[in-house]
Protein backbone atom coordinates (compact mmCIF):
# COMPACT_ATOMS: atom_id res chain seq x y z
CA UNK A 1 0.00 0.00 0.00
CA UNK A 2 1.32 3.46 -0.83
CA UNK A 3 1.83 6.10 1.86
CA UNK A 4 -0.15 9.33 1.80
CA UNK A 5 0.96 12.52 3.56
CA UNK A 6 -0.69 11.56 6.86
CA UNK A 7 1.04 8.17 6.83
CA UNK A 8 4.41 9.84 6.14
CA UNK A 9 3.81 12.31 8.97
CA UNK A 10 3.18 9.36 11.34
CA UNK A 11 6.51 7.59 10.64
CA UNK A 12 8.41 6.58 13.78
CA UNK A 13 12.12 6.13 14.43
CA UNK A 14 13.26 2.59 13.48
CA UNK A 15 10.22 2.07 11.24
CA UNK A 16 11.08 0.56 7.85
CA UNK A 17 9.45 1.20 4.48
CA UNK A 18 10.22 0.93 0.77
CA UNK A 19 10.82 3.83 -1.59
CA UNK A 20 10.03 2.60 -5.10
CA UNK A 21 10.45 4.52 -8.33
CA UNK A 22 11.80 4.02 -11.85
CA UNK A 23 12.07 0.24 -11.45
CA UNK A 24 14.08 0.34 -8.23
CA UNK A 25 13.23 -0.67 -4.65
CA UNK A 26 15.02 0.99 -1.75
CA UNK A 27 14.47 -0.24 1.80
CA UNK A 28 14.87 2.55 4.36
CA UNK A 29 14.77 2.84 8.15
CA UNK A 30 13.71 6.10 9.85
CA UNK A 31 16.51 7.64 11.95
CA UNK A 32 14.85 11.00 12.71
CA UNK A 33 11.05 11.24 12.91
CA UNK A 34 9.16 13.67 10.65
CA UNK A 35 8.95 17.27 11.86
CA UNK A 36 7.14 20.29 10.50
CA UNK A 37 9.50 22.23 8.24
CA UNK A 38 7.12 24.90 6.96
CA UNK A 39 3.51 25.99 6.89
CA UNK A 40 2.84 27.31 3.39
CA UNK A 41 0.71 30.32 2.48
CA UNK A 42 -2.15 28.08 1.35
CA UNK A 43 -2.20 26.33 4.76
CA UNK A 44 -0.47 23.18 3.55
CA UNK A 45 2.42 21.74 5.52
CA UNK A 46 5.88 20.51 4.61
CA UNK A 47 7.53 17.83 6.70
CA UNK A 48 11.06 16.52 6.68
CA UNK A 49 12.68 13.44 8.16
CA UNK A 50 15.83 11.37 7.90
CA UNK A 51 16.34 7.71 7.17
CA UNK A 52 19.09 5.33 6.14
CA UNK A 53 19.30 2.86 3.23
CA UNK A 54 19.25 -0.51 5.03
CA UNK A 55 21.64 -2.07 2.49
CA UNK A 56 24.30 0.65 2.06
CA UNK A 57 23.68 2.54 5.34
CA UNK A 58 23.79 5.81 3.36
CA UNK A 59 21.70 8.60 4.94
CA UNK A 60 18.61 9.92 3.15
CA UNK A 61 16.96 13.31 3.75
CA UNK A 62 13.27 13.46 2.87
CA UNK A 63 10.88 16.35 2.28
CA UNK A 64 7.15 15.99 1.54
CA UNK A 65 4.50 18.64 0.93
CA UNK A 66 0.86 18.09 1.83
CA UNK A 67 -1.26 17.79 -1.32
CA UNK A 68 1.82 17.42 -3.54
CA UNK A 69 3.08 13.99 -2.50
CA UNK A 70 3.14 12.84 -6.14
CA UNK A 71 6.22 15.09 -6.48
CA UNK A 72 7.88 13.64 -3.37
CA UNK A 73 9.09 10.18 -2.38
CA UNK A 74 6.96 7.19 -3.42
CA UNK A 75 6.75 5.14 -0.21
CA UNK A 76 5.17 1.71 0.23
CA UNK A 77 4.91 -1.02 2.83
CA UNK A 78 6.30 -3.63 0.39
CA UNK A 79 8.68 -3.56 -2.62
CA UNK A 80 6.90 -2.76 -5.90
CA UNK A 81 9.31 -4.01 -8.58
CA UNK A 82 10.59 -7.46 -9.48
CA UNK A 83 14.01 -8.23 -10.94
CA UNK A 84 14.84 -11.20 -13.14
CA UNK A 85 17.67 -13.60 -12.24
CA UNK A 86 19.61 -15.48 -14.92
CA UNK A 87 18.17 -18.80 -13.71
CA UNK A 88 14.65 -17.66 -14.61
CA UNK A 89 13.45 -16.68 -11.15
CA UNK A 90 12.21 -13.31 -9.97
CA UNK A 91 13.10 -11.46 -6.77
CA UNK A 92 12.79 -8.05 -5.15
CA UNK A 93 16.19 -6.44 -5.71
CA UNK A 94 17.02 -3.63 -3.30
CA UNK A 95 19.02 -0.57 -4.29
CA UNK A 96 22.61 -1.16 -3.18
CA UNK A 97 22.57 -4.95 -3.54
CA UNK A 98 24.91 -6.52 -6.03
């Protein structure tokens, strides 16, 4: 299931999710919970939080704007893309895996 703005705002430290876009799956773990970054002139909010790629341990800085989440990260509770192995099987490849 994809995350809407309210679901992103409710993320907790240590919670894991998948960011999936352009054929890639990235598994991330929240390291700093979402906080309000700005209240925009139209009353919408921006939140930011930090996470880490669970494979490479590289930090990730996120920003999401209420009502404009289609421009932000595409988060899900499960990987969305399959990769094909040479032996004919499929698997969920994570960004950073060889």
